[in-house]
Amino acid sequence: MASMSEEILKRYYSIGEVAEMFSVNASLLRHWETEFDTIRPKKNKKGERQYTQKDVENIRQIYGLVKDKGFTLQGANEFLKIKNQQDTEKARMIDSLEKLKDFLAELKDKL
């Protein structure tokens, strides 16, 4: 059985911890912040970056595109923007279908 600390995800990660997760330099993460809108760590009072789990997931996606699949930073950025638009369109479509389903269920009940 996993210990309690292994089961609970940290709320914030330091830039050093995130850099270690991906075996990259902290400077690369700082550079990616300027290139990708999806990486926006909070900064504490000392100005230290605090990465959320969402930030780490976004970095994992970018890392996969750039390091594993060979995308340029521009190419990765464009890919993520298109993917985000597609995800938004899918969510809208699901919402529309759920409304239609509810309407049809109400109509069926009235028959």
PDB file of N, CA and C in Angstrom:
ATOM      1  N   MET A   1       0.843  -1.194   0.000  1.00  0.00           N
ATOM      2  CA  MET A   1       0.000   0.000   0.000  1.00  0.00           C
ATOM      3  C   MET A   1       0.883   1.250   0.000  1.00  0.00           C
ATOM      4  N   ALA A   2       0.503   2.214  -0.823  1.00  0.00           N
ATOM      5  CA  ALA A   2       1.286   3.448  -0.928  1.00  0.00           C
ATOM      6  C   ALA A   2       1.110   4.289   0.328  1.00  0.00           C
ATOM      7  N   SER A   3       2.153   5.011   0.668  1.00  0.00           N
ATOM      8  CA  SER A   3       2.044   5.878   1.837  1.00  0.00           C
ATOM      9  C   SER A   3       1.155   7.073   1.516  1.00  0.00           C
ATOM     10  N   MET A   4       0.712   7.740   2.564  1.00  0.00           N
ATOM     11  CA  MET A   4      -0.200   8.871   2.411  1.00  0.00           C
ATOM     12  C   MET A   4       0.421   9.958   1.530  1.00  0.00           C
ATOM     13  N   SER A   5       1.715  10.227   1.705  1.00  0.00           N
ATOM     14  CA  SER A   5       2.357  11.295   0.932  1.00  0.00           C
ATOM     15  C   SER A   5       2.454  10.939  -0.547  1.00  0.00           C
ATOM     16  N   GLU A   6       2.536   9.657  -0.896  1.00  0.00           N
ATOM     17  CA  GLU A   6       2.601   9.259  -2.295  1.00  0.00           C
ATOM     18  C   GLU A   6       1.237   9.364  -2.965  1.00  0.00           C
ATOM     19  N   GLU A   7       0.169   9.219  -2.197  1.00  0.00           N
ATOM     20  CA  GLU A   7      -1.176   9.267  -2.752  1.00  0.00           C
ATOM     21  C   GLU A   7      -1.639  10.694  -3.023  1.00  0.00           C
ATOM     22  N   ILE A   8      -1.129  11.635  -2.270  1.00  0.00           N
ATOM     23  CA  ILE A   8      -1.567  13.027  -2.392  1.00  0.00           C
ATOM     24  C   ILE A   8      -0.594  13.786  -3.291  1.00  0.00           C
ATOM     25  N   LEU A   9      -1.131  14.399  -4.337  1.00  0.00           N
ATOM     26  CA  LEU A   9      -0.293  15.205  -5.220  1.00  0.00           C
ATOM     27  C   LEU A   9       0.019  16.527  -4.533  1.00  0.00           C
ATOM     28  N   LYS A  10       1.215  17.013  -4.769  1.00  0.00           N
ATOM     29  CA  LYS A  10       1.584  18.311  -4.199  1.00  0.00           C
ATOM     30  C   LYS A  10       0.755  19.404  -4.863  1.00  0.00           C
ATOM     31  N   ARG A  11       0.515  20.444  -4.119  1.00  0.00           N
ATOM     32  CA  ARG A  11      -0.238  21.568  -4.675  1.00  0.00           C
ATOM     33  C   ARG A  11       0.641  22.400  -5.601  1.00  0.00           C
ATOM     34  N   TYR A  12       1.891  22.620  -5.191  1.00  0.00           N
ATOM     35  CA  TYR A  12       2.819  23.404  -6.001  1.00  0.00           C
ATOM     36  C   TYR A  12       4.162  22.700  -6.069  1.00  0.00           C
ATOM     37  N   TYR A  13       4.830  22.866  -7.216  1.00  0.00           N
ATOM     38  CA  TYR A  13       6.167  22.331  -7.414  1.00  0.00           C
ATOM     39  C   TYR A  13       7.101  23.489  -7.721  1.00  0.00           C
ATOM     40  N   SER A  14       8.333  23.407  -7.244  1.00  0.00           N
ATOM     41  CA  SER A  14       9.323  24.438  -7.555  1.00  0.00           C
ATOM     42  C   SER A  14       9.842  24.202  -8.977  1.00  0.00           C
ATOM     43  N   ILE A  15      10.504  25.209  -9.515  1.00  0.00           N
ATOM     44  CA  ILE A  15      11.056  25.069 -10.860  1.00  0.00           C
ATOM     45  C   ILE A  15      12.106  23.955 -10.890  1.00  0.00           C
ATOM     46  N   GLY A  16      12.857  23.805  -9.792  1.00  0.00           N
ATOM     47  CA  GLY A  16      13.849  22.747  -9.711  1.00  0.00           C
ATOM     48  C   GLY A  16      13.221  21.365  -9.754  1.00  0.00           C
ATOM     49  N   GLU A  17      12.106  21.200  -9.041  1.00  0.00           N
ATOM     50  CA  GLU A  17      11.404  19.910  -9.037  1.00  0.00           C
ATOM     51  C   GLU A  17      10.858  19.574 -10.424  1.00  0.00           C
ATOM     52  N   VAL A  18      10.290  20.572 -11.085  1.00  0.00           N
ATOM     53  CA  VAL A  18       9.720  20.342 -12.413  1.00  0.00           C
ATOM     54  C   VAL A  18      10.841  20.052 -13.412  1.00  0.00           C
ATOM     55  N   ALA A  19      11.926  20.797 -13.323  1.00  0.00           N
ATOM     56  CA  ALA A  19      13.065  20.564 -14.216  1.00  0.00           C
ATOM     57  C   ALA A  19      13.591  19.137 -14.024  1.00  0.00           C
ATOM     58  N   GLU A  20      13.642  18.688 -12.792  1.00  0.00           N
ATOM     59  CA  GLU A  20      14.124  17.331 -12.498  1.00  0.00           C
ATOM     60  C   GLU A  20      13.169  16.271 -13.060  1.00  0.00           C
ATOM     61  N   MET A  21      11.859  16.537 -12.988  1.00  0.00           N
ATOM     62  CA  MET A  21      10.866  15.588 -13.516  1.00  0.00           C
ATOM     63  C   MET A  21      11.125  15.281 -14.991  1.00  0.00           C
ATOM     64  N   PHE A  22      11.542  16.300 -15.741  1.00  0.00           N
ATOM     65  CA  PHE A  22      11.706  16.165 -17.182  1.00  0.00           C
ATOM     66  C   PHE A  22      13.174  16.106 -17.615  1.00  0.00           C
ATOM     67  N   SER A  23      14.064  16.107 -16.648  1.00  0.00           N
ATOM     68  CA  SER A  23      15.511  16.082 -16.934  1.00  0.00           C
ATOM     69  C   SER A  23      15.914  17.213 -17.881  1.00  0.00           C
ATOM     70  N   VAL A  24      15.440  18.415 -17.562  1.00  0.00           N
ATOM     71  CA  VAL A  24      15.797  19.606 -18.343  1.00  0.00           C
ATOM     72  C   VAL A  24      16.321  20.672 -17.389  1.00  0.00           C
ATOM     73  N   ASN A  25      16.916  21.716 -17.944  1.00  0.00           N
ATOM     74  CA  ASN A  25      17.380  22.833 -17.138  1.00  0.00           C
ATOM     75  C   ASN A  25      16.225  23.766 -16.804  1.00  0.00           C
ATOM     76  N   ALA A  26      16.309  24.408 -15.664  1.00  0.00           N
ATOM     77  CA  ALA A  26      15.293  25.383 -15.268  1.00  0.00           C
ATOM     78  C   ALA A  26      15.194  26.496 -16.306  1.00  0.00           C
ATOM     79  N   SER A  27      16.314  26.833 -16.934  1.00  0.00           N
ATOM     80  CA  SER A  27      16.300  27.901 -17.943  1.00  0.00           C
ATOM     81  C   SER A  27      15.396  27.532 -19.122  1.00  0.00           C
ATOM     82  N   LEU A  28      15.325  26.241 -19.458  1.00  0.00           N
ATOM     83  CA  LEU A  28      14.447  25.811 -20.551  1.00  0.00           C
ATOM     84  C   LEU A  28      12.986  26.054 -20.160  1.00  0.00           C
ATOM     85  N   LEU A  29      12.648  25.741 -18.917  1.00  0.00           N
ATOM     86  CA  LEU A  29      11.269  25.970 -18.458  1.00  0.00           C
ATOM     87  C   LEU A  29      10.936  27.463 -18.477  1.00  0.00           C
ATOM     88  N   ARG A  30      11.878  28.295 -18.064  1.00  0.00           N
ATOM     89  CA  ARG A  30      11.641  29.745 -18.096  1.00  0.00           C
ATOM     90  C   ARG A  30      11.447  30.212 -19.537  1.00  0.00           C
ATOM     91  N   HIS A  31      12.223  29.646 -20.454  1.00  0.00           N
ATOM     92  CA  HIS A  31      12.078  30.008 -21.873  1.00  0.00           C
ATOM     93  C   HIS A  31      10.704  29.569 -22.390  1.00  0.00           C
ATOM     94  N   TRP A  32      10.294  28.349 -22.048  1.00  0.00           N
ATOM     95  CA  TRP A  32       8.987  27.860 -22.504  1.00  0.00           C
ATOM     96  C   TRP A  32       7.849  28.732 -21.986  1.00  0.00           C
ATOM     97  N   GLU A  33       8.029  29.329 -20.810  1.00  0.00           N
ATOM     98  CA  GLU A  33       7.003  30.248 -20.278  1.00  0.00           C
ATOM     99  C   GLU A  33       6.766  31.400 -21.247  1.00  0.00           C
ATOM    100  N   THR A  34       7.829  31.859 -21.888  1.00  0.00           N
ATOM    101  CA  THR A  34       7.691  32.989 -22.814  1.00  0.00           C
ATOM    102  C   THR A  34       7.074  32.544 -24.141  1.00  0.00           C
ATOM    103  N   GLU A  35       7.203  31.264 -24.467  1.00  0.00           N
ATOM    104  CA  GLU A  35       6.728  30.745 -25.749  1.00  0.00           C
ATOM    105  C   GLU A  35       5.302  30.185 -25.708  1.00  0.00           C
ATOM    106  N   PHE A  36       4.880  29.691 -24.558  1.00  0.00           N
ATOM    107  CA  PHE A  36       3.592  29.004 -24.456  1.00  0.00           C
ATOM    108  C   PHE A  36       2.696  29.663 -23.409  1.00  0.00           C
ATOM    109  N   ASP A  37       1.498  30.051 -23.834  1.00  0.00           N
ATOM    110  CA  ASP A  37       0.546  30.692 -22.927  1.00  0.00           C
ATOM    111  C   ASP A  37       0.039  29.741 -21.853  1.00  0.00           C
ATOM    112  N   THR A  38       0.161  28.440 -22.085  1.00  0.00           N
ATOM    113  CA  THR A  38      -0.382  27.464 -21.142  1.00  0.00           C
ATOM    114  C   THR A  38       0.513  27.242 -19.931  1.00  0.00           C
ATOM    115  N   ILE A  39       1.723  27.759 -19.968  1.00  0.00           N
ATOM    116  CA  ILE A  39       2.623  27.630 -18.817  1.00  0.00           C
ATOM    117  C   ILE A  39       2.692  28.982 -18.112  1.00  0.00           C
ATOM    118  N   ARG A  40       1.978  29.093 -17.027  1.00  0.00           N
ATOM    119  CA  ARG A  40       1.948  30.340 -16.263  1.00  0.00           C
ATOM    120  C   ARG A  40       2.008  30.024 -14.767  1.00  0.00           C
ATOM    121  N   PRO A  41       3.215  29.658 -14.278  1.00  0.00           N
ATOM    122  CA  PRO A  41       3.292  29.356 -12.851  1.00  0.00           C
ATOM    123  C   PRO A  41       3.064  30.609 -12.013  1.00  0.00           C
ATOM    124  N   LYS A  42       2.488  30.400 -10.846  1.00  0.00           N
ATOM    125  CA  LYS A  42       2.332  31.516  -9.911  1.00  0.00           C
ATOM    126  C   LYS A  42       3.705  31.806  -9.324  1.00  0.00           C
ATOM    127  N   LYS A  43       3.846  32.990  -8.786  1.00  0.00           N
ATOM    128  CA  LYS A  43       5.105  33.322  -8.111  1.00  0.00           C
ATOM    129  C   LYS A  43       4.769  33.708  -6.673  1.00  0.00           C
ATOM    130  N   ASN A  44       5.571  33.197  -5.744  1.00  0.00           N
ATOM    131  CA  ASN A  44       5.338  33.537  -4.338  1.00  0.00           C
ATOM    132  C   ASN A  44       5.928  34.913  -4.036  1.00  0.00           C
ATOM    133  N   LYS A  45       5.885  35.306  -2.780  1.00  0.00           N
ATOM    134  CA  LYS A  45       6.369  36.643  -2.402  1.00  0.00           C
ATOM    135  C   LYS A  45       7.846  36.840  -2.711  1.00  0.00           C
ATOM    136  N   LYS A  46       8.602  35.750  -2.713  1.00  0.00           N
ATOM    137  CA  LYS A  46      10.033  35.824  -3.029  1.00  0.00           C
ATOM    138  C   LYS A  46      10.289  35.837  -4.530  1.00  0.00           C
ATOM    139  N   GLY A  47       9.228  35.654  -5.335  1.00  0.00           N
ATOM    140  CA  GLY A  47       9.382  35.619  -6.784  1.00  0.00           C
ATOM    141  C   GLY A  47       9.700  34.242  -7.325  1.00  0.00           C
ATOM    142  N   GLU A  48       9.620  33.234  -6.455  1.00  0.00           N
ATOM    143  CA  GLU A  48       9.900  31.865  -6.891  1.00  0.00           C
ATOM    144  C   GLU A  48       8.668  31.285  -7.587  1.00  0.00           C
ATOM    145  N   ARG A  49       8.917  30.597  -8.690  1.00  0.00           N
ATOM    146  CA  ARG A  49       7.823  30.001  -9.448  1.00  0.00           C
ATOM    147  C   ARG A  49       7.213  28.834  -8.685  1.00  0.00           C
ATOM    148  N   GLN A  50       5.886  28.749  -8.758  1.00  0.00           N
ATOM    149  CA  GLN A  50       5.152  27.662  -8.133  1.00  0.00           C
ATOM    150  C   GLN A  50       4.261  27.034  -9.199  1.00  0.00           C
ATOM    151  N   TYR A  51       4.667  25.858  -9.654  1.00  0.00           N
ATOM    152  CA  TYR A  51       3.954  25.172 -10.726  1.00  0.00           C
ATOM    153  C   TYR A  51       2.842  24.301 -10.146  1.00  0.00           C
ATOM    154  N   THR A  52       1.649  24.408 -10.732  1.00  0.00           N
ATOM    155  CA  THR A  52       0.529  23.561 -10.328  1.00  0.00           C
ATOM    156  C   THR A  52       0.596  22.240 -11.100  1.00  0.00           C
ATOM    157  N   GLN A  53      -0.255  21.301 -10.712  1.00  0.00           N
ATOM    158  CA  GLN A  53      -0.326  20.032 -11.431  1.00  0.00           C
ATOM    159  C   GLN A  53      -0.712  20.284 -12.893  1.00  0.00           C
ATOM    160  N   LYS A  54      -1.591  21.261 -13.132  1.00  0.00           N
ATOM    161  CA  LYS A  54      -2.002  21.609 -14.499  1.00  0.00           C
ATOM    162  C   LYS A  54      -0.800  22.122 -15.304  1.00  0.00           C
ATOM    163  N   ASP A  55       0.041  22.957 -14.673  1.00  0.00           N
ATOM    164  CA  ASP A  55       1.252  23.439 -15.339  1.00  0.00           C
ATOM    165  C   ASP A  55       2.141  22.263 -15.734  1.00  0.00           C
ATOM    166  N   VAL A  56       2.293  21.310 -14.813  1.00  0.00           N
ATOM    167  CA  VAL A  56       3.137  20.138 -15.069  1.00  0.00           C
ATOM    168  C   VAL A  56       2.570  19.325 -16.230  1.00  0.00           C
ATOM    169  N   GLU A  57       1.249  19.173 -16.278  1.00  0.00           N
ATOM    170  CA  GLU A  57       0.616  18.440 -17.387  1.00  0.00           C
ATOM    171  C   GLU A  57       0.848  19.169 -18.713  1.00  0.00           C
ATOM    172  N   ASN A  58       0.732  20.493 -18.698  1.00  0.00           N
ATOM    173  CA  ASN A  58       0.985  21.273 -19.911  1.00  0.00           C
ATOM    174  C   ASN A  58       2.437  21.130 -20.362  1.00  0.00           C
ATOM    175  N   ILE A  59       3.360  21.144 -19.416  1.00  0.00           N
ATOM    176  CA  ILE A  59       4.777  20.965 -19.746  1.00  0.00           C
ATOM    177  C   ILE A  59       4.998  19.561 -20.303  1.00  0.00           C
ATOM    178  N   ARG A  60       4.330  18.574 -19.733  1.00  0.00           N
ATOM    179  CA  ARG A  60       4.461  17.187 -20.215  1.00  0.00           C
ATOM    180  C   ARG A  60       4.017  17.103 -21.685  1.00  0.00           C
ATOM    181  N   GLN A  61       2.927  17.799 -22.012  1.00  0.00           N
ATOM    182  CA  GLN A  61       2.440  17.813 -23.393  1.00  0.00           C
ATOM    183  C   GLN A  61       3.459  18.475 -24.318  1.00  0.00           C
ATOM    184  N   ILE A  62       3.957  19.624 -23.903  1.00  0.00           N
ATOM    185  CA  ILE A  62       4.932  20.363 -24.710  1.00  0.00           C
ATOM    186  C   ILE A  62       6.213  19.544 -24.855  1.00  0.00           C
ATOM    187  N   TYR A  63       6.675  18.972 -23.759  1.00  0.00           N
ATOM    188  CA  TYR A  63       7.882  18.153 -23.789  1.00  0.00           C
ATOM    189  C   TYR A  63       7.715  17.010 -24.797  1.00  0.00           C
ATOM    190  N   GLY A  64       6.556  16.360 -24.769  1.00  0.00           N
ATOM    191  CA  GLY A  64       6.287  15.257 -25.687  1.00  0.00           C
ATOM    192  C   GLY A  64       6.348  15.694 -27.137  1.00  0.00           C
ATOM    193  N   LEU A  65       5.784  16.856 -27.415  1.00  0.00           N
ATOM    194  CA  LEU A  65       5.783  17.354 -28.791  1.00  0.00           C
ATOM    195  C   LEU A  65       7.183  17.770 -29.252  1.00  0.00           C
ATOM    196  N   VAL A  66       7.884  18.503 -28.384  1.00  0.00           N
ATOM    197  CA  VAL A  66       9.179  19.069 -28.776  1.00  0.00           C
ATOM    198  C   VAL A  66      10.299  18.035 -28.688  1.00  0.00           C
ATOM    199  N   LYS A  67      10.404  17.360 -27.570  1.00  0.00           N
ATOM    200  CA  LYS A  67      11.541  16.449 -27.346  1.00  0.00           C
ATOM    201  C   LYS A  67      11.325  15.075 -27.969  1.00  0.00           C
ATOM    202  N   ASP A  68      10.099  14.543 -27.867  1.00  0.00           N
ATOM    203  CA  ASP A  68       9.846  13.191 -28.366  1.00  0.00           C
ATOM    204  C   ASP A  68       9.460  13.168 -29.843  1.00  0.00           C
ATOM    205  N   LYS A  69       8.615  14.120 -30.258  1.00  0.00           N
ATOM    206  CA  LYS A  69       8.111  14.094 -31.635  1.00  0.00           C
ATOM    207  C   LYS A  69       8.838  15.047 -32.570  1.00  0.00           C
ATOM    208  N   GLY A  70       9.748  15.866 -32.025  1.00  0.00           N
ATOM    209  CA  GLY A  70      10.577  16.716 -32.870  1.00  0.00           C
ATOM    210  C   GLY A  70       9.908  17.980 -33.389  1.00  0.00           C
ATOM    211  N   PHE A  71       8.822  18.422 -32.774  1.00  0.00           N
ATOM    212  CA  PHE A  71       8.174  19.672 -33.179  1.00  0.00           C
ATOM    213  C   PHE A  71       9.089  20.850 -32.854  1.00  0.00           C
ATOM    214  N   THR A  72       9.001  21.896 -33.659  1.00  0.00           N
ATOM    215  CA  THR A  72       9.622  23.163 -33.287  1.00  0.00           C
ATOM    216  C   THR A  72       8.721  23.795 -32.233  1.00  0.00           C
ATOM    217  N   LEU A  73       9.210  24.813 -31.546  1.00  0.00           N
ATOM    218  CA  LEU A  73       8.360  25.483 -30.551  1.00  0.00           C
ATOM    219  C   LEU A  73       7.135  26.098 -31.227  1.00  0.00           C
ATOM    220  N   GLN A  74       7.345  26.710 -32.397  1.00  0.00           N
ATOM    221  CA  GLN A  74       6.224  27.299 -33.135  1.00  0.00           C
ATOM    222  C   GLN A  74       5.237  26.211 -33.548  1.00  0.00           C
ATOM    223  N   GLY A  75       5.749  25.106 -34.044  1.00  0.00           N
ATOM    224  CA  GLY A  75       4.891  24.003 -34.464  1.00  0.00           C
ATOM    225  C   GLY A  75       4.102  23.427 -33.299  1.00  0.00           C
ATOM    226  N   ALA A  76       4.747  23.266 -32.155  1.00  0.00           N
ATOM    227  CA  ALA A  76       4.071  22.754 -30.961  1.00  0.00           C
ATOM    228  C   ALA A  76       2.982  23.726 -30.516  1.00  0.00           C
ATOM    229  N   ASN A  77       3.298  25.006 -30.572  1.00  0.00           N
ATOM    230  CA  ASN A  77       2.325  26.034 -30.184  1.00  0.00           C
ATOM    231  C   ASN A  77       1.089  25.977 -31.079  1.00  0.00           C
ATOM    232  N   GLU A  78       1.310  25.890 -32.380  1.00  0.00           N
ATOM    233  CA  GLU A  78       0.194  25.831 -33.332  1.00  0.00           C
ATOM    234  C   GLU A  78      -0.618  24.546 -33.128  1.00  0.00           C
ATOM    235  N   PHE A  79       0.075  23.423 -32.921  1.00  0.00           N
ATOM    236  CA  PHE A  79      -0.599  22.151 -32.677  1.00  0.00           C
ATOM    237  C   PHE A  79      -1.504  22.244 -31.450  1.00  0.00           C
ATOM    238  N   LEU A  80      -0.975  22.823 -30.371  1.00  0.00           N
ATOM    239  CA  LEU A  80      -1.749  22.928 -29.128  1.00  0.00           C
ATOM    240  C   LEU A  80      -2.946  23.866 -29.281  1.00  0.00           C
ATOM    241  N   LYS A  81      -2.778  24.944 -30.058  1.00  0.00           N
ATOM    242  CA  LYS A  81      -3.896  25.863 -30.283  1.00  0.00           C
ATOM    243  C   LYS A  81      -5.015  25.168 -31.056  1.00  0.00           C
ATOM    244  N   ILE A  82      -4.642  24.407 -32.082  1.00  0.00           N
ATOM    245  CA  ILE A  82      -5.643  23.671 -32.871  1.00  0.00           C
ATOM    246  C   ILE A  82      -6.325  22.626 -32.001  1.00  0.00           C
ATOM    247  N   LYS A  83      -5.538  21.912 -31.215  1.00  0.00           N
ATOM    248  CA  LYS A  83      -6.087  20.881 -30.327  1.00  0.00           C
ATOM    249  C   LYS A  83      -7.057  21.509 -29.326  1.00  0.00           C
ATOM    250  N   ASN A  84      -6.689  22.670 -28.797  1.00  0.00           N
ATOM    251  CA  ASN A  84      -7.543  23.370 -27.836  1.00  0.00           C
ATOM    252  C   ASN A  84      -8.860  23.790 -28.490  1.00  0.00           C
ATOM    253  N   GLN A  85      -8.783  24.273 -29.730  1.00  0.00           N
ATOM    254  CA  GLN A  85     -10.000  24.650 -30.461  1.00  0.00           C
ATOM    255  C   GLN A  85     -10.883  23.431 -30.686  1.00  0.00           C
ATOM    256  N   GLN A  86     -10.260  22.295 -31.046  1.00  0.00           N
ATOM    257  CA  GLN A  86     -11.024  21.071 -31.268  1.00  0.00           C
ATOM    258  C   GLN A  86     -11.684  20.600 -29.975  1.00  0.00           C
ATOM    259  N   ASP A  87     -10.954  20.695 -28.861  1.00  0.00           N
ATOM    260  CA  ASP A  87     -11.519  20.301 -27.572  1.00  0.00           C
ATOM    261  C   ASP A  87     -12.703  21.185 -27.208  1.00  0.00           C
ATOM    262  N   THR A  88     -12.597  22.489 -27.499  1.00  0.00           N
ATOM    263  CA  THR A  88     -13.688  23.418 -27.230  1.00  0.00           C
ATOM    264  C   THR A  88     -14.898  23.074 -28.088  1.00  0.00           C
ATOM    265  N   GLU A  89     -14.655  22.780 -29.365  1.00  0.00           N
ATOM    266  CA  GLU A  89     -15.757  22.411 -30.266  1.00  0.00           C
ATOM    267  C   GLU A  89     -16.420  21.114 -29.816  1.00  0.00           C
ATOM    268  N   LYS A  90     -15.621  20.144 -29.372  1.00  0.00           N
ATOM    269  CA  LYS A  90     -16.184  18.883 -28.868  1.00  0.00           C
ATOM    270  C   LYS A  90     -17.057  19.134 -27.649  1.00  0.00           C
ATOM    271  N   ALA A  91     -16.590  19.980 -26.739  1.00  0.00           N
ATOM    272  CA  ALA A  91     -17.362  20.285 -25.533  1.00  0.00           C
ATOM    273  C   ALA A  91     -18.692  20.948 -25.903  1.00  0.00           C
ATOM    274  N   ARG A  92     -18.652  21.873 -26.871  1.00  0.00           N
ATOM    275  CA  ARG A  92     -19.887  22.523 -27.332  1.00  0.00           C
ATOM    276  C   ARG A  92     -20.842  21.504 -27.948  1.00  0.00           C
ATOM    277  N   MET A  93     -20.294  20.593 -28.747  1.00  0.00           N
ATOM    278  CA  MET A  93     -21.110  19.567 -29.390  1.00  0.00           C
ATOM    279  C   MET A  93     -21.743  18.655 -28.346  1.00  0.00           C
ATOM    280  N   ILE A  94     -20.980  18.244 -27.354  1.00  0.00           N
ATOM    281  CA  ILE A  94     -21.514  17.390 -26.283  1.00  0.00           C
ATOM    282  C   ILE A  94     -22.621  18.109 -25.543  1.00  0.00           C
ATOM    283  N   ASP A  95     -22.422  19.388 -25.254  1.00  0.00           N
ATOM    284  CA  ASP A  95     -23.443  20.179 -24.567  1.00  0.00           C
ATOM    285  C   ASP A  95     -24.720  20.244 -25.402  1.00  0.00           C
ATOM    286  N   SER A  96     -24.585  20.496 -26.695  1.00  0.00           N
ATOM    287  CA  SER A  96     -25.753  20.555 -27.586  1.00  0.00           C
ATOM    288  C   SER A  96     -26.479  19.218 -27.628  1.00  0.00           C
ATOM    289  N   LEU A  97     -25.721  18.124 -27.703  1.00  0.00           N
ATOM    290  CA  LEU A  97     -26.342  16.801 -27.750  1.00  0.00           C
ATOM    291  C   LEU A  97     -27.052  16.461 -26.437  1.00  0.00           C
ATOM    292  N   GLU A  98     -26.469  16.886 -25.320  1.00  0.00           N
ATOM    293  CA  GLU A  98     -27.125  16.640 -24.032  1.00  0.00           C
ATOM    294  C   GLU A  98     -28.434  17.420 -23.931  1.00  0.00           C
ATOM    295  N   LYS A  99     -28.448  18.648 -24.434  1.00  0.00           N
ATOM    296  CA  LYS A  99     -29.682  19.437 -24.433  1.00  0.00           C
ATOM    297  C   LYS A  99     -30.734  18.791 -25.319  1.00  0.00           C
ATOM    298  N   LEU A 100     -30.303  18.293 -26.486  1.00  0.00           N
ATOM    299  CA  LEU A 100     -31.218  17.609 -27.391  1.00  0.00           C
ATOM    300  C   LEU A 100     -31.776  16.343 -26.737  1.00  0.00           C
ATOM    301  N   LYS A 101     -30.929  15.607 -26.067  1.00  0.00           N
ATOM    302  CA  LYS A 101     -31.343  14.386 -25.364  1.00  0.00           C
ATOM    303  C   LYS A 101     -32.401  14.721 -24.303  1.00  0.00           C
ATOM    304  N   ASP A 102     -32.150  15.780 -23.527  1.00  0.00           N
ATOM    305  CA  ASP A 102     -33.116  16.198 -22.499  1.00  0.00           C
ATOM    306  C   ASP A 102     -34.452  16.599 -23.129  1.00  0.00           C
ATOM    307  N   PHE A 103     -34.370  17.337 -24.239  1.00  0.00           N
ATOM    308  CA  PHE A 103     -35.579  17.759 -24.940  1.00  0.00           C
ATOM    309  C   PHE A 103     -36.373  16.549 -25.418  1.00  0.00           C
ATOM    310  N   LEU A 104     -35.664  15.584 -26.023  1.00  0.00           N
ATOM    311  CA  LEU A 104     -36.327  14.385 -26.533  1.00  0.00           C
ATOM    312  C   LEU A 104     -36.922  13.554 -25.391  1.00  0.00           C
ATOM    313  N   ALA A 105     -36.242  13.509 -24.258  1.00  0.00           N
ATOM    314  CA  ALA A 105     -36.766  12.775 -23.101  1.00  0.00           C
ATOM    315  C   ALA A 105     -38.045  13.432 -22.592  1.00  0.00           C
ATOM    316  N   GLU A 106     -38.058  14.776 -22.547  1.00  0.00           N
ATOM    317  CA  GLU A 106     -39.264  15.500 -22.127  1.00  0.00           C
ATOM    318  C   GLU A 106     -40.399  15.244 -23.110  1.00  0.00           C
ATOM    319  N   LEU A 107     -40.079  15.280 -24.401  1.00  0.00           N
ATOM    320  CA  LEU A 107     -41.080  15.051 -25.439  1.00  0.00           C
ATOM    321  C   LEU A 107     -41.664  13.641 -25.318  1.00  0.00           C
ATOM    322  N   LYS A 108     -40.799  12.682 -25.083  1.00  0.00           N
ATOM    323  CA  LYS A 108     -41.236  11.289 -24.920  1.00  0.00           C
ATOM    324  C   LYS A 108     -42.189  11.168 -23.727  1.00  0.00           C
ATOM    325  N   ASP A 109     -41.846  11.843 -22.619  1.00  0.00           N
ATOM    326  CA  ASP A 109     -42.677  11.794 -21.410  1.00  0.00           C
ATOM    327  C   ASP A 109     -44.055  12.404 -21.656  1.00  0.00           C
ATOM    328  N   LYS A 110     -44.145  13.380 -22.549  1.00  0.00           N
ATOM    329  CA  LYS A 110     -45.424  14.034 -22.845  1.00  0.00           C
ATOM    330  C   LYS A 110     -46.319  13.187 -23.748  1.00  0.00           C
ATOM    331  N   LEU A 111     -45.720  12.222 -24.449  1.00  0.00           N
ATOM    332  CA  LEU A 111     -46.506  11.382 -25.365  1.00  0.00           C
ATOM    333  C   LEU A 111     -47.282  10.322 -24.631  1.00  0.00           C
TER     334      LEU A 111
END
